[in-house]
Amino acid sequence: MTSQLEHPVADEAPLSETLTDYDKRHLVTYLRLLDADQDGADWREATRLVLGRDPETAPDLCHRCWESHLARARWMTQTGYRDLLASGAADGGPG
């Protein structure tokens, strides 16, 4: 079973050194991937449930998709969150 995502994921997450609009749209996706990783979920299960892709039909593509989005999620926890906070402050929001 694949999930219906509000914002479908690209084949690979951005490789930008700064926060992108894609990142902002996929914050929940990143959090869900981090939770799945923390819980020890298999990449195929996370791909199916979080990314809405079927790893049985294109395992290599799906693995790269999962791997790049998980790496981007980790980047968000180490670096990207600063840009997120700064953009919230610039927009008059909290931060």
PDB file of N, CA and C in Angstrom:
ATOM      1  N   MET A   1       0.842  -1.182   0.000  1.00  0.00           N
ATOM      2  CA  MET A   1       0.000   0.000   0.000  1.00  0.00           C
ATOM      3  C   MET A   1       0.882   1.239   0.000  1.00  0.00           C
ATOM      4  N   THR A   2       0.651   2.142  -0.933  1.00  0.00           N
ATOM      5  CA  THR A   2       1.398   3.396  -0.949  1.00  0.00           C
ATOM      6  C   THR A   2       0.516   4.493  -0.395  1.00  0.00           C
ATOM      7  N   SER A   3       1.150   5.520   0.142  1.00  0.00           N
ATOM      8  CA  SER A   3       0.398   6.611   0.737  1.00  0.00           C
ATOM      9  C   SER A   3       0.176   7.709  -0.283  1.00  0.00           C
ATOM     10  N   GLN A   4      -0.876   8.487  -0.093  1.00  0.00           N
ATOM     11  CA  GLN A   4      -1.136   9.657  -0.909  1.00  0.00           C
ATOM     12  C   GLN A   4      -0.493  10.839  -0.209  1.00  0.00           C
ATOM     13  N   LEU A   5       0.517  11.406  -0.843  1.00  0.00           N
ATOM     14  CA  LEU A   5       1.254  12.501  -0.237  1.00  0.00           C
ATOM     15  C   LEU A   5       0.702  13.833  -0.703  1.00  0.00           C
ATOM     16  N   GLU A   6       0.659  14.787   0.218  1.00  0.00           N
ATOM     17  CA  GLU A   6       0.249  16.137  -0.149  1.00  0.00           C
ATOM     18  C   GLU A   6       1.248  16.718  -1.145  1.00  0.00           C
ATOM     19  N   HIS A   7       2.534  16.454  -0.912  1.00  0.00           N
ATOM     20  CA  HIS A   7       3.605  16.918  -1.787  1.00  0.00           C
ATOM     21  C   HIS A   7       4.439  15.704  -2.198  1.00  0.00           C
ATOM     22  N   PRO A   8       4.192  15.155  -3.380  1.00  0.00           N
ATOM     23  CA  PRO A   8       4.986  13.995  -3.826  1.00  0.00           C
ATOM     24  C   PRO A   8       6.478  14.310  -3.812  1.00  0.00           C
ATOM     25  N   VAL A   9       7.272  13.293  -3.539  1.00  0.00           N
ATOM     26  CA  VAL A   9       8.718  13.484  -3.459  1.00  0.00           C
ATOM     27  C   VAL A   9       9.366  13.302  -4.829  1.00  0.00           C
ATOM     28  N   ALA A  10      10.464  14.032  -5.009  1.00  0.00           N
ATOM     29  CA  ALA A  10      11.274  13.899  -6.219  1.00  0.00           C
ATOM     30  C   ALA A  10      12.106  12.624  -6.112  1.00  0.00           C
ATOM     31  N   ASP A  11      12.705  12.226  -7.214  1.00  0.00           N
ATOM     32  CA  ASP A  11      13.556  11.041  -7.195  1.00  0.00           C
ATOM     33  C   ASP A  11      14.731  11.216  -6.234  1.00  0.00           C
ATOM     34  N   GLU A  12      15.215  12.444  -6.105  1.00  0.00           N
ATOM     35  CA  GLU A  12      16.287  12.731  -5.152  1.00  0.00           C
ATOM     36  C   GLU A  12      16.010  14.053  -4.458  1.00  0.00           C
ATOM     37  N   ALA A  13      16.419  14.132  -3.201  1.00  0.00           N
ATOM     38  CA  ALA A  13      16.270  15.369  -2.434  1.00  0.00           C
ATOM     39  C   ALA A  13      17.293  16.398  -2.915  1.00  0.00           C
ATOM     40  N   PRO A  14      17.054  17.669  -2.629  1.00  0.00           N
ATOM     41  CA  PRO A  14      17.997  18.713  -3.055  1.00  0.00           C
ATOM     42  C   PRO A  14      19.392  18.506  -2.471  1.00  0.00           C
ATOM     43  N   LEU A  15      20.386  19.010  -3.196  1.00  0.00           N
ATOM     44  CA  LEU A  15      21.771  18.973  -2.722  1.00  0.00           C
ATOM     45  C   LEU A  15      22.270  20.381  -2.420  1.00  0.00           C
ATOM     46  N   SER A  16      21.379  21.285  -2.182  1.00  0.00           N
ATOM     47  CA  SER A  16      21.709  22.680  -1.936  1.00  0.00           C
ATOM     48  C   SER A  16      22.330  22.865  -0.551  1.00  0.00           C
ATOM     49  N   GLU A  17      23.188  23.855  -0.440  1.00  0.00           N
ATOM     50  CA  GLU A  17      23.784  24.215   0.855  1.00  0.00           C
ATOM     51  C   GLU A  17      22.850  25.103   1.670  1.00  0.00           C
ATOM     52  N   THR A  18      21.736  25.512   1.068  1.00  0.00           N
ATOM     53  CA  THR A  18      20.757  26.345   1.761  1.00  0.00           C
ATOM     54  C   THR A  18      19.392  25.691   1.691  1.00  0.00           C
ATOM     55  N   LEU A  19      18.521  26.136   2.554  1.00  0.00           N
ATOM     56  CA  LEU A  19      17.154  25.642   2.608  1.00  0.00           C
ATOM     57  C   LEU A  19      16.432  25.982   1.305  1.00  0.00           C
ATOM     58  N   THR A  20      15.703  25.029   0.771  1.00  0.00           N
ATOM     59  CA  THR A  20      14.969  25.245  -0.475  1.00  0.00           C
ATOM     60  C   THR A  20      13.467  25.210  -0.209  1.00  0.00           C
ATOM     61  N   ASP A  21      12.697  25.660  -1.190  1.00  0.00           N
ATOM     62  CA  ASP A  21      11.243  25.547  -1.081  1.00  0.00           C
ATOM     63  C   ASP A  21      10.832  24.085  -0.973  1.00  0.00           C
ATOM     64  N   TYR A  22      11.553  23.212  -1.678  1.00  0.00           N
ATOM     65  CA  TYR A  22      11.289  21.771  -1.593  1.00  0.00           C
ATOM     66  C   TYR A  22      11.436  21.304  -0.138  1.00  0.00           C
ATOM     67  N   ASP A  23      12.504  21.743   0.521  1.00  0.00           N
ATOM     68  CA  ASP A  23      12.706  21.372   1.926  1.00  0.00           C
ATOM     69  C   ASP A  23      11.540  21.824   2.788  1.00  0.00           C
ATOM     70  N   LYS A  24      11.107  23.048   2.591  1.00  0.00           N
ATOM     71  CA  LYS A  24       9.995  23.582   3.386  1.00  0.00           C
ATOM     72  C   LYS A  24       8.726  22.775   3.171  1.00  0.00           C
ATOM     73  N   ARG A  25       8.476  22.360   1.932  1.00  0.00           N
ATOM     74  CA  ARG A  25       7.280  21.562   1.638  1.00  0.00           C
ATOM     75  C   ARG A  25       7.364  20.152   2.212  1.00  0.00           C
ATOM     76  N   HIS A  26       8.583  19.665   2.451  1.00  0.00           N
ATOM     77  CA  HIS A  26       8.762  18.275   2.870  1.00  0.00           C
ATOM     78  C   HIS A  26       9.266  18.110   4.300  1.00  0.00           C
ATOM     79  N   LEU A  27       9.063  19.111   5.127  1.00  0.00           N
ATOM     80  CA  LEU A  27       9.502  19.003   6.525  1.00  0.00           C
ATOM     81  C   LEU A  27       8.884  17.791   7.221  1.00  0.00           C
ATOM     82  N   VAL A  28       7.608  17.569   7.007  1.00  0.00           N
ATOM     83  CA  VAL A  28       6.938  16.417   7.634  1.00  0.00           C
ATOM     84  C   VAL A  28       7.522  15.115   7.104  1.00  0.00           C
ATOM     85  N   THR A  29       7.803  15.069   5.814  1.00  0.00           N
ATOM     86  CA  THR A  29       8.424  13.875   5.222  1.00  0.00           C
ATOM     87  C   THR A  29       9.764  13.603   5.893  1.00  0.00           C
ATOM     88  N   TYR A  30      10.570  14.639   6.046  1.00  0.00           N
ATOM     89  CA  TYR A  30      11.881  14.480   6.690  1.00  0.00           C
ATOM     90  C   TYR A  30      11.721  13.983   8.127  1.00  0.00           C
ATOM     91  N   LEU A  31      10.781  14.559   8.855  1.00  0.00           N
ATOM     92  CA  LEU A  31      10.565  14.118  10.244  1.00  0.00           C
ATOM     93  C   LEU A  31      10.118  12.665  10.300  1.00  0.00           C
ATOM     94  N   ARG A  32       9.249  12.275   9.396  1.00  0.00           N
ATOM     95  CA  ARG A  32       8.783  10.889   9.366  1.00  0.00           C
ATOM     96  C   ARG A  32       9.915   9.927   9.025  1.00  0.00           C
ATOM     97  N   LEU A  33      10.789  10.333   8.096  1.00  0.00           N
ATOM     98  CA  LEU A  33      11.944   9.489   7.766  1.00  0.00           C
ATOM     99  C   LEU A  33      12.880   9.340   8.952  1.00  0.00           C
ATOM    100  N   LEU A  34      13.119  10.436   9.666  1.00  0.00           N
ATOM    101  CA  LEU A  34      13.977  10.369  10.854  1.00  0.00           C
ATOM    102  C   LEU A  34      13.366   9.473  11.921  1.00  0.00           C
ATOM    103  N   ASP A  35      12.058   9.566  12.104  1.00  0.00           N
ATOM    104  CA  ASP A  35      11.370   8.695  13.070  1.00  0.00           C
ATOM    105  C   ASP A  35      11.491   7.229  12.656  1.00  0.00           C
ATOM    106  N   ALA A  36      11.273   6.955  11.379  1.00  0.00           N
ATOM    107  CA  ALA A  36      11.365   5.573  10.888  1.00  0.00           C
ATOM    108  C   ALA A  36      12.781   5.041  11.084  1.00  0.00           C
ATOM    109  N   ASP A  37      13.770   5.871  10.784  1.00  0.00           N
ATOM    110  CA  ASP A  37      15.161   5.465  10.955  1.00  0.00           C
ATOM    111  C   ASP A  37      15.464   5.204  12.425  1.00  0.00           C
ATOM    112  N   GLN A  38      15.003   6.085  13.277  1.00  0.00           N
ATOM    113  CA  GLN A  38      15.204   5.926  14.734  1.00  0.00           C
ATOM    114  C   GLN A  38      14.572   4.625  15.241  1.00  0.00           C
ATOM    115  N   ASP A  39      13.430   4.279  14.650  1.00  0.00           N
ATOM    116  CA  ASP A  39      12.722   3.055  15.049  1.00  0.00           C
ATOM    117  C   ASP A  39      13.285   1.800  14.401  1.00  0.00           C
ATOM    118  N   GLY A  40      14.291   1.963  13.531  1.00  0.00           N
ATOM    119  CA  GLY A  40      14.908   0.809  12.889  1.00  0.00           C
ATOM    120  C   GLY A  40      14.121   0.233  11.733  1.00  0.00           C
ATOM    121  N   ALA A  41      13.244   1.035  11.142  1.00  0.00           N
ATOM    122  CA  ALA A  41      12.439   0.558  10.016  1.00  0.00           C
ATOM    123  C   ALA A  41      13.327   0.221   8.817  1.00  0.00           C
ATOM    124  N   ASP A  42      12.972  -0.815   8.120  1.00  0.00           N
ATOM    125  CA  ASP A  42      13.646  -1.194   6.887  1.00  0.00           C
ATOM    126  C   ASP A  42      13.422  -0.102   5.848  1.00  0.00           C
ATOM    127  N   TRP A  43      14.417   0.155   4.992  1.00  0.00           N
ATOM    128  CA  TRP A  43      14.300   1.227   4.008  1.00  0.00           C
ATOM    129  C   TRP A  43      13.117   1.016   3.080  1.00  0.00           C
ATOM    130  N   ARG A  44      12.803  -0.252   2.771  1.00  0.00           N
ATOM    131  CA  ARG A  44      11.679  -0.527   1.874  1.00  0.00           C
ATOM    132  C   ARG A  44      10.347  -0.119   2.514  1.00  0.00           C
ATOM    133  N   GLU A  45      10.216  -0.381   3.800  1.00  0.00           N
ATOM    134  CA  GLU A  45       8.999   0.010   4.506  1.00  0.00           C
ATOM    135  C   GLU A  45       8.876   1.534   4.570  1.00  0.00           C
ATOM    136  N   ALA A  46       9.986   2.209   4.895  1.00  0.00           N
ATOM    137  CA  ALA A  46       9.972   3.671   4.954  1.00  0.00           C
ATOM    138  C   ALA A  46       9.688   4.269   3.579  1.00  0.00           C
ATOM    139  N   THR A  47      10.244   3.670   2.561  1.00  0.00           N
ATOM    140  CA  THR A  47      10.011   4.151   1.202  1.00  0.00           C
ATOM    141  C   THR A  47       8.537   4.052   0.839  1.00  0.00           C
ATOM    142  N   ARG A  48       7.955   2.936   1.189  1.00  0.00           N
ATOM    143  CA  ARG A  48       6.547   2.710   0.866  1.00  0.00           C
ATOM    144  C   ARG A  48       5.638   3.632   1.680  1.00  0.00           C
ATOM    145  N   LEU A  49       5.847   3.682   2.986  1.00  0.00           N
ATOM    146  CA  LEU A  49       4.932   4.409   3.861  1.00  0.00           C
ATOM    147  C   LEU A  49       5.174   5.921   3.905  1.00  0.00           C
ATOM    148  N   VAL A  50       6.431   6.326   3.848  1.00  0.00           N
ATOM    149  CA  VAL A  50       6.749   7.751   3.993  1.00  0.00           C
ATOM    150  C   VAL A  50       6.880   8.445   2.639  1.00  0.00           C
ATOM    151  N   LEU A  51       7.545   7.784   1.698  1.00  0.00           N
ATOM    152  CA  LEU A  51       7.797   8.424   0.415  1.00  0.00           C
ATOM    153  C   LEU A  51       6.737   8.100  -0.637  1.00  0.00           C
ATOM    154  N   GLY A  52       5.870   7.144  -0.328  1.00  0.00           N
ATOM    155  CA  GLY A  52       4.782   6.821  -1.244  1.00  0.00           C
ATOM    156  C   GLY A  52       5.231   6.136  -2.527  1.00  0.00           C
ATOM    157  N   ARG A  53       6.312   5.359  -2.414  1.00  0.00           N
ATOM    158  CA  ARG A  53       6.859   4.664  -3.587  1.00  0.00           C
ATOM    159  C   ARG A  53       6.893   3.164  -3.331  1.00  0.00           C
ATOM    160  N   ASP A  54       6.833   2.410  -4.410  1.00  0.00           N
ATOM    161  CA  ASP A  54       6.850   0.956  -4.310  1.00  0.00           C
ATOM    162  C   ASP A  54       8.249   0.430  -4.624  1.00  0.00           C
ATOM    163  N   PRO A  55       8.988   0.015  -3.601  1.00  0.00           N
ATOM    164  CA  PRO A  55      10.356  -0.447  -3.827  1.00  0.00           C
ATOM    165  C   PRO A  55      10.440  -1.763  -4.600  1.00  0.00           C
ATOM    166  N   GLU A  56       9.340  -2.445  -4.750  1.00  0.00           N
ATOM    167  CA  GLU A  56       9.348  -3.695  -5.510  1.00  0.00           C
ATOM    168  C   GLU A  56       9.408  -3.437  -7.009  1.00  0.00           C
ATOM    169  N   THR A  57       8.885  -2.316  -7.455  1.00  0.00           N
ATOM    170  CA  THR A  57       8.847  -2.035  -8.892  1.00  0.00           C
ATOM    171  C   THR A  57      10.134  -1.412  -9.410  1.00  0.00           C
ATOM    172  N   ALA A  58      10.818  -0.634  -8.567  1.00  0.00           N
ATOM    173  CA  ALA A  58      12.070   0.019  -8.981  1.00  0.00           C
ATOM    174  C   ALA A  58      12.989   0.130  -7.770  1.00  0.00           C
ATOM    175  N   PRO A  59      13.555  -0.997  -7.331  1.00  0.00           N
ATOM    176  CA  PRO A  59      14.315  -0.990  -6.076  1.00  0.00           C
ATOM    177  C   PRO A  59      15.506  -0.035  -6.059  1.00  0.00           C
ATOM    178  N   ASP A  60      16.255   0.054  -7.146  1.00  0.00           N
ATOM    179  CA  ASP A  60      17.431   0.936  -7.155  1.00  0.00           C
ATOM    180  C   ASP A  60      17.020   2.397  -7.063  1.00  0.00           C
ATOM    181  N   LEU A  61      16.041   2.800  -7.856  1.00  0.00           N
ATOM    182  CA  LEU A  61      15.544   4.173  -7.831  1.00  0.00           C
ATOM    183  C   LEU A  61      14.959   4.511  -6.464  1.00  0.00           C
ATOM    184  N   CYS A  62      14.184   3.599  -5.915  1.00  0.00           N
ATOM    185  CA  CYS A  62      13.568   3.830  -4.610  1.00  0.00           C
ATOM    186  C   CYS A  62      14.609   3.915  -3.498  1.00  0.00           C
ATOM    187  N   HIS A  63      15.634   3.098  -3.580  1.00  0.00           N
ATOM    188  CA  HIS A  63      16.682   3.147  -2.560  1.00  0.00           C
ATOM    189  C   HIS A  63      17.418   4.480  -2.613  1.00  0.00           C
ATOM    190  N   ARG A  64      17.734   4.955  -3.817  1.00  0.00           N
ATOM    191  CA  ARG A  64      18.389   6.271  -3.954  1.00  0.00           C
ATOM    192  C   ARG A  64      17.487   7.388  -3.436  1.00  0.00           C
ATOM    193  N   CYS A  65      16.204   7.284  -3.725  1.00  0.00           N
ATOM    194  CA  CYS A  65      15.231   8.274  -3.257  1.00  0.00           C
ATOM    195  C   CYS A  65      15.215   8.305  -1.732  1.00  0.00           C
ATOM    196  N   TRP A  66      15.086   7.137  -1.119  1.00  0.00           N
ATOM    197  CA  TRP A  66      15.083   7.038   0.352  1.00  0.00           C
ATOM    198  C   TRP A  66      16.393   7.561   0.930  1.00  0.00           C
ATOM    199  N   GLU A  67      17.502   7.114   0.353  1.00  0.00           N
ATOM    200  CA  GLU A  67      18.821   7.488   0.865  1.00  0.00           C
ATOM    201  C   GLU A  67      19.032   9.009   0.790  1.00  0.00           C
ATOM    202  N   SER A  68      18.673   9.614  -0.326  1.00  0.00           N
ATOM    203  CA  SER A  68      18.904  11.052  -0.475  1.00  0.00           C
ATOM    204  C   SER A  68      17.983  11.866   0.435  1.00  0.00           C
ATOM    205  N   HIS A  69      16.745  11.408   0.608  1.00  0.00           N
ATOM    206  CA  HIS A  69      15.822  12.139   1.485  1.00  0.00           C
ATOM    207  C   HIS A  69      16.198  11.969   2.957  1.00  0.00           C
ATOM    208  N   LEU A  70      16.673  10.799   3.334  1.00  0.00           N
ATOM    209  CA  LEU A  70      17.126  10.615   4.710  1.00  0.00           C
ATOM    210  C   LEU A  70      18.371  11.466   4.978  1.00  0.00           C
ATOM    211  N   ALA A  71      19.283  11.517   4.016  1.00  0.00           N
ATOM    212  CA  ALA A  71      20.474  12.362   4.170  1.00  0.00           C
ATOM    213  C   ALA A  71      20.066  13.830   4.298  1.00  0.00           C
ATOM    214  N   ARG A  72      19.084  14.247   3.503  1.00  0.00           N
ATOM    215  CA  ARG A  72      18.625  15.638   3.586  1.00  0.00           C
ATOM    216  C   ARG A  72      17.931  15.892   4.920  1.00  0.00           C
ATOM    217  N   ALA A  73      17.190  14.929   5.410  1.00  0.00           N
ATOM    218  CA  ALA A  73      16.547  15.068   6.717  1.00  0.00           C
ATOM    219  C   ALA A  73      17.601  15.244   7.808  1.00  0.00           C
ATOM    220  N   ARG A  74      18.665  14.479   7.725  1.00  0.00           N
ATOM    221  CA  ARG A  74      19.755  14.622   8.702  1.00  0.00           C
ATOM    222  C   ARG A  74      20.428  15.987   8.560  1.00  0.00           C
ATOM    223  N   TRP A  75      20.615  16.449   7.318  1.00  0.00           N
ATOM    224  CA  TRP A  75      21.185  17.777   7.080  1.00  0.00           C
ATOM    225  C   TRP A  75      20.318  18.850   7.733  1.00  0.00           C
ATOM    226  N   MET A  76      18.999  18.673   7.645  1.00  0.00           N
ATOM    227  CA  MET A  76      18.086  19.635   8.253  1.00  0.00           C
ATOM    228  C   MET A  76      18.296  19.714   9.763  1.00  0.00           C
ATOM    229  N   THR A  77      18.594  18.591  10.404  1.00  0.00           N
ATOM    230  CA  THR A  77      18.775  18.604  11.861  1.00  0.00           C
ATOM    231  C   THR A  77      20.111  19.207  12.270  1.00  0.00           C
ATOM    232  N   GLN A  78      21.080  19.217  11.360  1.00  0.00           N
ATOM    233  CA  GLN A  78      22.413  19.721  11.680  1.00  0.00           C
ATOM    234  C   GLN A  78      22.655  21.136  11.185  1.00  0.00           C
ATOM    235  N   THR A  79      22.083  21.487  10.041  1.00  0.00           N
ATOM    236  CA  THR A  79      22.384  22.768   9.402  1.00  0.00           C
ATOM    237  C   THR A  79      21.138  23.503   8.941  1.00  0.00           C
ATOM    238  N   GLY A  80      20.290  22.820   8.219  1.00  0.00           N
ATOM    239  CA  GLY A  80      19.144  23.448   7.570  1.00  0.00           C
ATOM    240  C   GLY A  80      18.179  24.132   8.513  1.00  0.00           C
ATOM    241  N   TYR A  81      18.084  23.645   9.731  1.00  0.00           N
ATOM    242  CA  TYR A  81      17.147  24.245  10.673  1.00  0.00           C
ATOM    243  C   TYR A  81      17.486  25.712  10.933  1.00  0.00           C
ATOM    244  N   ARG A  82      18.763  26.071  10.829  1.00  0.00           N
ATOM    245  CA  ARG A  82      19.158  27.468  11.038  1.00  0.00           C
ATOM    246  C   ARG A  82      18.512  28.375  10.001  1.00  0.00           C
ATOM    247  N   ASP A  83      18.542  27.926   8.733  1.00  0.00           N
ATOM    248  CA  ASP A  83      17.895  28.688   7.667  1.00  0.00           C
ATOM    249  C   ASP A  83      16.385  28.752   7.891  1.00  0.00           C
ATOM    250  N   LEU A  84      15.823  27.664   8.370  1.00  0.00           N
ATOM    251  CA  LEU A  84      14.398  27.615   8.642  1.00  0.00           C
ATOM    252  C   LEU A  84      14.029  28.619   9.729  1.00  0.00           C
ATOM    253  N   LEU A  85      14.804  28.651  10.792  1.00  0.00           N
ATOM    254  CA  LEU A  85      14.551  29.607  11.867  1.00  0.00           C
ATOM    255  C   LEU A  85      14.746  31.040  11.388  1.00  0.00           C
ATOM    256  N   ALA A  86      15.779  31.272  10.615  1.00  0.00           N
ATOM    257  CA  ALA A  86      16.041  32.620  10.103  1.00  0.00           C
ATOM    258  C   ALA A  86      14.927  33.072   9.167  1.00  0.00           C
ATOM    259  N   SER A  87      14.407  32.161   8.333  1.00  0.00           N
ATOM    260  CA  SER A  87      13.341  32.554   7.416  1.00  0.00           C
ATOM    261  C   SER A  87      12.046  32.819   8.178  1.00  0.00           C
ATOM    262  N   GLY A  88      11.828  32.101   9.269  1.00  0.00           N
ATOM    263  CA  GLY A  88      10.656  32.355  10.110  1.00  0.00           C
ATOM    264  C   GLY A  88      10.739  33.705  10.773  1.00  0.00           C
ATOM    265  N   ALA A  89      11.926  34.073  11.229  1.00  0.00           N
ATOM    266  CA  ALA A  89      12.120  35.367  11.863  1.00  0.00           C
ATOM    267  C   ALA A  89      11.954  36.484  10.844  1.00  0.00           C
ATOM    268  N   ALA A  90      12.453  36.275   9.615  1.00  0.00           N
ATOM    269  CA  ALA A  90      12.346  37.280   8.567  1.00  0.00           C
ATOM    270  C   ALA A  90      10.902  37.463   8.117  1.00  0.00           C
ATOM    271  N   ASP A  91      10.102  36.394   8.226  1.00  0.00           N
ATOM    272  CA  ASP A  91       8.706  36.451   7.824  1.00  0.00           C
ATOM    273  C   ASP A  91       7.810  36.978   8.955  1.00  0.00           C
ATOM    274  N   GLY A  92       8.422  37.314  10.077  1.00  0.00           N
ATOM    275  CA  GLY A  92       7.644  37.792  11.223  1.00  0.00           C
ATOM    276  C   GLY A  92       7.128  36.673  12.094  1.00  0.00           C
ATOM    277  N   GLY A  93       7.536  35.439  11.781  1.00  0.00           N
ATOM    278  CA  GLY A  93       7.091  34.287  12.559  1.00  0.00           C
ATOM    279  C   GLY A  93       8.008  34.048  13.738  1.00  0.00           C
ATOM    280  N   PRO A  94       7.742  33.010  14.517  1.00  0.00           N
ATOM    281  CA  PRO A  94       8.599  32.713  15.670  1.00  0.00           C
ATOM    282  C   PRO A  94       9.998  32.363  15.217  1.00  0.00           C
ATOM    283  N   GLY A  95      10.948  32.652  16.041  1.00  0.00           N
ATOM    284  CA  GLY A  95      12.313  32.239  15.719  1.00  0.00           C
ATOM    285  C   GLY A  95      13.231  33.366  15.827  1.00  0.00           C
TER     286      GLY A  95
END
